[in-house]
Amino acid sequence: QLHRRLVKLTIHNFAFEPARLVVSRGTRLVWTNQDSDPHTVTASTAGWSSAALDTGNHFAAVMSRDGTFSYSCTIHPYMHGIVIVRG
């Protein structure tokens, strides 16, 4: 059985930090918006998407399957991140 973890990410200066992350399956990721503008956390194919997050708001997703998942902010499409999930 995999050990479940919590990883905190930030949205700051119109960027996801860290922008690239490798985690084990079952890890819970929590993004917190530290910008004054709203942002989303929207996966390209993984099926998770946040509403627009205002300053201080957060969004969580559990990485339940292996793979490489890219995501972006739908409001600011130049903001990109990637999560690599390994069993």
PDB file of N, CA and C in Angstrom:
ATOM      1  N   GLN A   1       0.846  -1.188   0.000  1.00  0.00           N
ATOM      2  CA  GLN A   1       0.000   0.000   0.000  1.00  0.00           C
ATOM      3  C   GLN A   1       0.884   1.241   0.000  1.00  0.00           C
ATOM      4  N   LEU A   2       0.520   2.193  -0.825  1.00  0.00           N
ATOM      5  CA  LEU A   2       1.300   3.419  -0.935  1.00  0.00           C
ATOM      6  C   LEU A   2       0.996   4.354   0.219  1.00  0.00           C
ATOM      7  N   HIS A   3       2.021   5.027   0.656  1.00  0.00           N
ATOM      8  CA  HIS A   3       1.843   6.035   1.694  1.00  0.00           C
ATOM      9  C   HIS A   3       1.255   7.292   1.055  1.00  0.00           C
ATOM     10  N   ARG A   4       0.148   7.739   1.583  1.00  0.00           N
ATOM     11  CA  ARG A   4      -0.496   8.946   1.035  1.00  0.00           C
ATOM     12  C   ARG A   4       0.158  10.181   1.621  1.00  0.00           C
ATOM     13  N   ARG A   5       0.388  11.147   0.742  1.00  0.00           N
ATOM     14  CA  ARG A   5       1.057  12.375   1.155  1.00  0.00           C
ATOM     15  C   ARG A   5       0.221  13.585   0.781  1.00  0.00           C
ATOM     16  N   LEU A   6       0.604  14.707   1.367  1.00  0.00           N
ATOM     17  CA  LEU A   6       0.020  16.000   1.035  1.00  0.00           C
ATOM     18  C   LEU A   6       1.141  16.882   0.526  1.00  0.00           C
ATOM     19  N   VAL A   7       0.939  17.483  -0.645  1.00  0.00           N
ATOM     20  CA  VAL A   7       1.920  18.406  -1.207  1.00  0.00           C
ATOM     21  C   VAL A   7       1.215  19.730  -1.467  1.00  0.00           C
ATOM     22  N   LYS A   8       1.802  20.811  -0.939  1.00  0.00           N
ATOM     23  CA  LYS A   8       1.240  22.143  -1.117  1.00  0.00           C
ATOM     24  C   LYS A   8       1.990  22.868  -2.225  1.00  0.00           C
ATOM     25  N   LEU A   9       1.215  23.456  -3.139  1.00  0.00           N
ATOM     26  CA  LEU A   9       1.771  24.238  -4.231  1.00  0.00           C
ATOM     27  C   LEU A   9       1.202  25.647  -4.130  1.00  0.00           C
ATOM     28  N   THR A  10       1.888  26.604  -4.736  1.00  0.00           N
ATOM     29  CA  THR A  10       1.384  27.973  -4.735  1.00  0.00           C
ATOM     30  C   THR A  10       1.198  28.465  -6.162  1.00  0.00           C
ATOM     31  N   ILE A  11       0.345  29.459  -6.279  1.00  0.00           N
ATOM     32  CA  ILE A  11       0.193  30.209  -7.518  1.00  0.00           C
ATOM     33  C   ILE A  11       0.654  31.618  -7.163  1.00  0.00           C
ATOM     34  N   HIS A  12       1.781  32.025  -7.762  1.00  0.00           N
ATOM     35  CA  HIS A  12       2.405  33.283  -7.378  1.00  0.00           C
ATOM     36  C   HIS A  12       3.100  33.889  -8.591  1.00  0.00           C
ATOM     37  N   ASN A  13       2.949  35.198  -8.765  1.00  0.00           N
ATOM     38  CA  ASN A  13       3.554  35.892  -9.915  1.00  0.00           C
ATOM     39  C   ASN A  13       3.165  35.236 -11.237  1.00  0.00           C
ATOM     40  N   PHE A  14       1.870  34.862 -11.338  1.00  0.00           N
ATOM     41  CA  PHE A  14       1.328  34.267 -12.558  1.00  0.00           C
ATOM     42  C   PHE A  14       2.084  33.009 -12.963  1.00  0.00           C
ATOM     43  N   ALA A  15       2.417  32.175 -11.955  1.00  0.00           N
ATOM     44  CA  ALA A  15       3.102  30.908 -12.213  1.00  0.00           C
ATOM     45  C   ALA A  15       2.715  29.894 -11.147  1.00  0.00           C
ATOM     46  N   PHE A  16       2.721  28.616 -11.533  1.00  0.00           N
ATOM     47  CA  PHE A  16       2.525  27.534 -10.583  1.00  0.00           C
ATOM     48  C   PHE A  16       3.887  27.185  -9.993  1.00  0.00           C
ATOM     49  N   GLU A  17       3.955  27.060  -8.673  1.00  0.00           N
ATOM     50  CA  GLU A  17       5.227  26.757  -8.019  1.00  0.00           C
ATOM     51  C   GLU A  17       5.058  25.566  -7.089  1.00  0.00           C
ATOM     52  N   PRO A  18       5.776  24.457  -7.313  1.00  0.00           N
ATOM     53  CA  PRO A  18       6.681  24.243  -8.449  1.00  0.00           C
ATOM     54  C   PRO A  18       5.888  23.967  -9.732  1.00  0.00           C
ATOM     55  N   ALA A  19       6.498  24.272 -10.856  1.00  0.00           N
ATOM     56  CA  ALA A  19       5.827  24.079 -12.146  1.00  0.00           C
ATOM     57  C   ALA A  19       5.880  22.624 -12.588  1.00  0.00           C
ATOM     58  N   ARG A  20       6.863  21.858 -12.066  1.00  0.00           N
ATOM     59  CA  ARG A  20       6.985  20.434 -12.399  1.00  0.00           C
ATOM     60  C   ARG A  20       7.142  19.681 -11.089  1.00  0.00           C
ATOM     61  N   LEU A  21       6.352  18.619 -10.954  1.00  0.00           N
ATOM     62  CA  LEU A  21       6.327  17.891  -9.697  1.00  0.00           C
ATOM     63  C   LEU A  21       6.193  16.402  -9.980  1.00  0.00           C
ATOM     64  N   VAL A  22       6.948  15.583  -9.250  1.00  0.00           N
ATOM     65  CA  VAL A  22       6.833  14.123  -9.344  1.00  0.00           C
ATOM     66  C   VAL A  22       6.329  13.621  -7.993  1.00  0.00           C
ATOM     67  N   VAL A  23       5.212  12.877  -8.014  1.00  0.00           N
ATOM     68  CA  VAL A  23       4.603  12.387  -6.771  1.00  0.00           C
ATOM     69  C   VAL A  23       4.212  10.921  -6.929  1.00  0.00           C
ATOM     70  N   SER A  24       3.926  10.274  -5.810  1.00  0.00           N
ATOM     71  CA  SER A  24       3.430   8.903  -5.850  1.00  0.00           C
ATOM     72  C   SER A  24       1.906   8.917  -5.961  1.00  0.00           C
ATOM     73  N   ARG A  25       1.370   7.836  -6.506  1.00  0.00           N
ATOM     74  CA  ARG A  25      -0.079   7.702  -6.649  1.00  0.00           C
ATOM     75  C   ARG A  25      -0.728   7.820  -5.267  1.00  0.00           C
ATOM     76  N   GLY A  26      -1.841   8.522  -5.188  1.00  0.00           N
ATOM     77  CA  GLY A  26      -2.536   8.730  -3.928  1.00  0.00           C
ATOM     78  C   GLY A  26      -2.186  10.035  -3.243  1.00  0.00           C
ATOM     79  N   THR A  27      -1.211  10.773  -3.786  1.00  0.00           N
ATOM     80  CA  THR A  27      -0.819  12.048  -3.191  1.00  0.00           C
ATOM     81  C   THR A  27      -1.897  13.094  -3.419  1.00  0.00           C
ATOM     82  N   ARG A  28      -2.185  13.861  -2.368  1.00  0.00           N
ATOM     83  CA  ARG A  28      -3.149  14.958  -2.446  1.00  0.00           C
ATOM     84  C   ARG A  28      -2.366  16.243  -2.690  1.00  0.00           C
ATOM     85  N   LEU A  29      -2.686  16.934  -3.774  1.00  0.00           N
ATOM     86  CA  LEU A  29      -2.061  18.219  -4.092  1.00  0.00           C
ATOM     87  C   LEU A  29      -3.025  19.338  -3.735  1.00  0.00           C
ATOM     88  N   VAL A  30      -2.495  20.390  -3.123  1.00  0.00           N
ATOM     89  CA  VAL A  30      -3.315  21.553  -2.776  1.00  0.00           C
ATOM     90  C   VAL A  30      -2.621  22.802  -3.310  1.00  0.00           C
ATOM     91  N   TRP A  31      -3.289  23.477  -4.246  1.00  0.00           N
ATOM     92  CA  TRP A  31      -2.788  24.736  -4.793  1.00  0.00           C
ATOM     93  C   TRP A  31      -3.444  25.894  -4.055  1.00  0.00           C
ATOM     94  N   THR A  32      -2.669  26.911  -3.687  1.00  0.00           N
ATOM     95  CA  THR A  32      -3.197  28.109  -3.045  1.00  0.00           C
ATOM     96  C   THR A  32      -2.811  29.327  -3.882  1.00  0.00           C
ATOM     97  N   ASN A  33      -3.804  30.141  -4.205  1.00  0.00           N
ATOM     98  CA  ASN A  33      -3.557  31.344  -5.006  1.00  0.00           C
ATOM     99  C   ASN A  33      -3.029  32.466  -4.121  1.00  0.00           C
ATOM    100  N   GLN A  34      -1.810  32.907  -4.388  1.00  0.00           N
ATOM    101  CA  GLN A  34      -1.208  34.017  -3.655  1.00  0.00           C
ATOM    102  C   GLN A  34      -1.172  35.303  -4.481  1.00  0.00           C
ATOM    103  N   ASP A  35      -1.755  35.262  -5.672  1.00  0.00           N
ATOM    104  CA  ASP A  35      -1.818  36.458  -6.518  1.00  0.00           C
ATOM    105  C   ASP A  35      -3.079  37.256  -6.223  1.00  0.00           C
ATOM    106  N   SER A  36      -3.075  38.508  -6.651  1.00  0.00           N
ATOM    107  CA  SER A  36      -4.270  39.339  -6.484  1.00  0.00           C
ATOM    108  C   SER A  36      -5.300  39.069  -7.587  1.00  0.00           C
ATOM    109  N   ASP A  37      -4.880  38.428  -8.682  1.00  0.00           N
ATOM    110  CA  ASP A  37      -5.789  38.065  -9.768  1.00  0.00           C
ATOM    111  C   ASP A  37      -6.286  36.630  -9.566  1.00  0.00           C
ATOM    112  N   PRO A  38      -7.488  36.320 -10.033  1.00  0.00           N
ATOM    113  CA  PRO A  38      -7.983  34.941  -9.941  1.00  0.00           C
ATOM    114  C   PRO A  38      -7.271  34.035 -10.943  1.00  0.00           C
ATOM    115  N   HIS A  39      -7.168  32.746 -10.582  1.00  0.00           N
ATOM    116  CA  HIS A  39      -6.567  31.738 -11.450  1.00  0.00           C
ATOM    117  C   HIS A  39      -7.357  30.439 -11.319  1.00  0.00           C
ATOM    118  N   THR A  40      -7.211  29.568 -12.322  1.00  0.00           N
ATOM    119  CA  THR A  40      -7.773  28.218 -12.222  1.00  0.00           C
ATOM    120  C   THR A  40      -6.630  27.205 -12.276  1.00  0.00           C
ATOM    121  N   VAL A  41      -6.940  25.994 -11.854  1.00  0.00           N
ATOM    122  CA  VAL A  41      -6.032  24.855 -11.974  1.00  0.00           C
ATOM    123  C   VAL A  41      -6.817  23.818 -12.768  1.00  0.00           C
ATOM    124  N   THR A  42      -6.517  23.695 -14.065  1.00  0.00           N
ATOM    125  CA  THR A  42      -7.329  22.878 -14.955  1.00  0.00           C
ATOM    126  C   THR A  42      -6.460  21.883 -15.711  1.00  0.00           C
ATOM    127  N   ALA A  43      -6.682  20.604 -15.458  1.00  0.00           N
ATOM    128  CA  ALA A  43      -5.913  19.553 -16.122  1.00  0.00           C
ATOM    129  C   ALA A  43      -6.319  19.428 -17.580  1.00  0.00           C
ATOM    130  N   SER A  44      -5.344  19.140 -18.430  1.00  0.00           N
ATOM    131  CA  SER A  44      -5.616  18.974 -19.854  1.00  0.00           C
ATOM    132  C   SER A  44      -6.428  17.713 -20.117  1.00  0.00           C
ATOM    133  N   THR A  45      -6.075  16.603 -19.429  1.00  0.00           N
ATOM    134  CA  THR A  45      -6.745  15.328 -19.696  1.00  0.00           C
ATOM    135  C   THR A  45      -7.150  14.564 -18.444  1.00  0.00           C
ATOM    136  N   ALA A  46      -6.676  14.964 -17.273  1.00  0.00           N
ATOM    137  CA  ALA A  46      -6.869  14.149 -16.069  1.00  0.00           C
ATOM    138  C   ALA A  46      -8.258  14.268 -15.452  1.00  0.00           C
ATOM    139  N   GLY A  47      -9.050  15.236 -15.890  1.00  0.00           N
ATOM    140  CA  GLY A  47     -10.415  15.330 -15.406  1.00  0.00           C
ATOM    141  C   GLY A  47     -10.611  16.154 -14.151  1.00  0.00           C
ATOM    142  N   TRP A  48      -9.599  16.918 -13.703  1.00  0.00           N
ATOM    143  CA  TRP A  48      -9.822  17.797 -12.556  1.00  0.00           C
ATOM    144  C   TRP A  48      -9.683  19.238 -12.988  1.00  0.00           C
ATOM    145  N   SER A  49     -10.509  20.077 -12.360  1.00  0.00           N
ATOM    146  CA  SER A  49     -10.528  21.498 -12.704  1.00  0.00           C
ATOM    147  C   SER A  49     -11.091  22.288 -11.528  1.00  0.00           C
ATOM    148  N   SER A  50     -10.467  23.406 -11.255  1.00  0.00           N
ATOM    149  CA  SER A  50     -10.948  24.266 -10.176  1.00  0.00           C
ATOM    150  C   SER A  50     -11.843  25.355 -10.753  1.00  0.00           C
ATOM    151  N   ALA A  51     -12.618  25.951  -9.881  1.00  0.00           N
ATOM    152  CA  ALA A  51     -13.285  27.202 -10.222  1.00  0.00           C
ATOM    153  C   ALA A  51     -12.213  28.292 -10.186  1.00  0.00           C
ATOM    154  N   ALA A  52     -12.578  29.510 -10.522  1.00  0.00           N
ATOM    155  CA  ALA A  52     -11.635  30.628 -10.405  1.00  0.00           C
ATOM    156  C   ALA A  52     -11.312  30.830  -8.922  1.00  0.00           C
ATOM    157  N   LEU A  53     -10.025  30.792  -8.602  1.00  0.00           N
ATOM    158  CA  LEU A  53      -9.577  30.933  -7.223  1.00  0.00           C
ATOM    159  C   LEU A  53      -9.174  32.376  -6.958  1.00  0.00           C
ATOM    160  N   ASP A  54      -9.837  33.004  -6.013  1.00  0.00           N
ATOM    161  CA  ASP A  54      -9.442  34.346  -5.603  1.00  0.00           C
ATOM    162  C   ASP A  54      -8.246  34.261  -4.660  1.00  0.00           C
ATOM    163  N   THR A  55      -7.686  35.388  -4.302  1.00  0.00           N
ATOM    164  CA  THR A  55      -6.530  35.433  -3.407  1.00  0.00           C
ATOM    165  C   THR A  55      -6.815  34.660  -2.124  1.00  0.00           C
ATOM    166  N   GLY A  56      -5.905  33.743  -1.790  1.00  0.00           N
ATOM    167  CA  GLY A  56      -6.037  32.956  -0.567  1.00  0.00           C
ATOM    168  C   GLY A  56      -6.869  31.695  -0.712  1.00  0.00           C
ATOM    169  N   ASN A  57      -7.609  31.552  -1.806  1.00  0.00           N
ATOM    170  CA  ASN A  57      -8.410  30.349  -2.005  1.00  0.00           C
ATOM    171  C   ASN A  57      -7.528  29.202  -2.476  1.00  0.00           C
ATOM    172  N   HIS A  58      -8.008  27.975  -2.244  1.00  0.00           N
ATOM    173  CA  HIS A  58      -7.217  26.816  -2.640  1.00  0.00           C
ATOM    174  C   HIS A  58      -8.086  25.771  -3.343  1.00  0.00           C
ATOM    175  N   PHE A  59      -7.393  24.876  -4.025  1.00  0.00           N
ATOM    176  CA  PHE A  59      -8.020  23.773  -4.754  1.00  0.00           C
ATOM    177  C   PHE A  59      -7.193  22.523  -4.492  1.00  0.00           C
ATOM    178  N   ALA A  60      -7.874  21.399  -4.265  1.00  0.00           N
ATOM    179  CA  ALA A  60      -7.181  20.145  -3.991  1.00  0.00           C
ATOM    180  C   ALA A  60      -7.605  19.073  -4.986  1.00  0.00           C
ATOM    181  N   ALA A  61      -6.660  18.211  -5.325  1.00  0.00           N
ATOM    182  CA  ALA A  61      -6.931  17.055  -6.182  1.00  0.00           C
ATOM    183  C   ALA A  61      -6.037  15.910  -5.731  1.00  0.00           C
ATOM    184  N   VAL A  62      -6.597  14.698  -5.730  1.00  0.00           N
ATOM    185  CA  VAL A  62      -5.823  13.509  -5.383  1.00  0.00           C
ATOM    186  C   VAL A  62      -5.359  12.859  -6.683  1.00  0.00           C
ATOM    187  N   MET A  63      -4.068  12.583  -6.762  1.00  0.00           N
ATOM    188  CA  MET A  63      -3.486  11.969  -7.955  1.00  0.00           C
ATOM    189  C   MET A  63      -3.686  10.452  -7.866  1.00  0.00           C
ATOM    190  N   SER A  64      -4.759   9.963  -8.485  1.00  0.00           N
ATOM    191  CA  SER A  64      -5.185   8.586  -8.283  1.00  0.00           C
ATOM    192  C   SER A  64      -4.686   7.610  -9.343  1.00  0.00           C
ATOM    193  N   ARG A  65      -4.047   8.103 -10.408  1.00  0.00           N
ATOM    194  CA  ARG A  65      -3.543   7.181 -11.423  1.00  0.00           C
ATOM    195  C   ARG A  65      -2.192   7.651 -11.944  1.00  0.00           C
ATOM    196  N   ASP A  66      -1.401   6.677 -12.374  1.00  0.00           N
ATOM    197  CA  ASP A  66      -0.069   6.974 -12.884  1.00  0.00           C
ATOM    198  C   ASP A  66      -0.167   7.700 -14.218  1.00  0.00           C
ATOM    199  N   GLY A  67       0.836   8.520 -14.492  1.00  0.00           N
ATOM    200  CA  GLY A  67       0.898   9.202 -15.777  1.00  0.00           C
ATOM    201  C   GLY A  67       1.530  10.570 -15.636  1.00  0.00           C
ATOM    202  N   THR A  68       1.564  11.265 -16.759  1.00  0.00           N
ATOM    203  CA  THR A  68       2.079  12.622 -16.818  1.00  0.00           C
ATOM    204  C   THR A  68       0.904  13.522 -17.169  1.00  0.00           C
ATOM    205  N   PHE A  69       0.615  14.468 -16.291  1.00  0.00           N
ATOM    206  CA  PHE A  69      -0.580  15.299 -16.437  1.00  0.00           C
ATOM    207  C   PHE A  69      -0.190  16.773 -16.492  1.00  0.00           C
ATOM    208  N   SER A  70      -0.512  17.393 -17.598  1.00  0.00           N
ATOM    209  CA  SER A  70      -0.264  18.827 -17.714  1.00  0.00           C
ATOM    210  C   SER A  70      -1.527  19.572 -17.295  1.00  0.00           C
ATOM    211  N   TYR A  71      -1.327  20.774 -16.808  1.00  0.00           N
ATOM    212  CA  TYR A  71      -2.452  21.614 -16.407  1.00  0.00           C
ATOM    213  C   TYR A  71      -2.113  23.067 -16.661  1.00  0.00           C
ATOM    214  N   SER A  72      -3.127  23.907 -16.639  1.00  0.00           N
ATOM    215  CA  SER A  72      -2.931  25.324 -16.914  1.00  0.00           C
ATOM    216  C   SER A  72      -4.014  26.133 -16.211  1.00  0.00           C
ATOM    217  N   CYS A  73      -3.892  27.431 -16.335  1.00  0.00           N
ATOM    218  CA  CYS A  73      -4.921  28.363 -15.875  1.00  0.00           C
ATOM    219  C   CYS A  73      -5.744  28.751 -17.092  1.00  0.00           C
ATOM    220  N   THR A  74      -7.055  28.535 -17.032  1.00  0.00           N
ATOM    221  CA  THR A  74      -7.886  28.860 -18.192  1.00  0.00           C
ATOM    222  C   THR A  74      -8.032  30.369 -18.391  1.00  0.00           C
ATOM    223  N   ILE A  75      -7.806  31.132 -17.344  1.00  0.00           N
ATOM    224  CA  ILE A  75      -7.886  32.598 -17.451  1.00  0.00           C
ATOM    225  C   ILE A  75      -6.604  33.157 -18.068  1.00  0.00           C
ATOM    226  N   HIS A  76      -5.482  32.555 -17.721  1.00  0.00           N
ATOM    227  CA  HIS A  76      -4.163  32.967 -18.223  1.00  0.00           C
ATOM    228  C   HIS A  76      -3.484  31.736 -18.827  1.00  0.00           C
ATOM    229  N   PRO A  77      -3.786  31.404 -20.102  1.00  0.00           N
ATOM    230  CA  PRO A  77      -3.345  30.141 -20.704  1.00  0.00           C
ATOM    231  C   PRO A  77      -1.829  29.955 -20.800  1.00  0.00           C
ATOM    232  N   TYR A  78      -1.060  31.005 -20.605  1.00  0.00           N
ATOM    233  CA  TYR A  78       0.402  30.883 -20.639  1.00  0.00           C
ATOM    234  C   TYR A  78       0.946  30.298 -19.333  1.00  0.00           C
ATOM    235  N   MET A  79       0.089  30.152 -18.323  1.00  0.00           N
ATOM    236  CA  MET A  79       0.502  29.540 -17.054  1.00  0.00           C
ATOM    237  C   MET A  79       0.346  28.028 -17.175  1.00  0.00           C
ATOM    238  N   HIS A  80       1.456  27.292 -17.037  1.00  0.00           N
ATOM    239  CA  HIS A  80       1.438  25.845 -17.205  1.00  0.00           C
ATOM    240  C   HIS A  80       2.121  25.143 -16.039  1.00  0.00           C
ATOM    241  N   GLY A  81       1.666  23.932 -15.767  1.00  0.00           N
ATOM    242  CA  GLY A  81       2.319  23.067 -14.795  1.00  0.00           C
ATOM    243  C   GLY A  81       2.228  21.628 -15.261  1.00  0.00           C
ATOM    244  N   ILE A  82       3.017  20.759 -14.639  1.00  0.00           N
ATOM    245  CA  ILE A  82       2.991  19.343 -14.980  1.00  0.00           C
ATOM    246  C   ILE A  82       3.168  18.532 -13.713  1.00  0.00           C
ATOM    247  N   VAL A  83       2.366  17.474 -13.590  1.00  0.00           N
ATOM    248  CA  VAL A  83       2.478  16.542 -12.472  1.00  0.00           C
ATOM    249  C   VAL A  83       2.744  15.163 -13.046  1.00  0.00           C
ATOM    250  N   ILE A  84       3.820  14.534 -12.569  1.00  0.00           N
ATOM    251  CA  ILE A  84       4.153  13.171 -12.975  1.00  0.00           C
ATOM    252  C   ILE A  84       3.819  12.275 -11.786  1.00  0.00           C
ATOM    253  N   VAL A  85       2.931  11.315 -12.009  1.00  0.00           N
ATOM    254  CA  VAL A  85       2.475  10.421 -10.937  1.00  0.00           C
ATOM    255  C   VAL A  85       3.029   9.030 -11.204  1.00  0.00           C
ATOM    256  N   ARG A  86       3.709   8.484 -10.202  1.00  0.00           N
ATOM    257  CA  ARG A  86       4.309   7.157 -10.325  1.00  0.00           C
ATOM    258  C   ARG A  86       3.820   6.277  -9.186  1.00  0.00           C
ATOM    259  N   GLY A  87       3.495   5.032  -9.508  1.00  0.00           N
ATOM    260  CA  GLY A  87       3.050   4.080  -8.499  1.00  0.00           C
ATOM    261  C   GLY A  87       4.189   3.675  -7.614  1.00  0.00           C
TER     262      GLY A  87
END
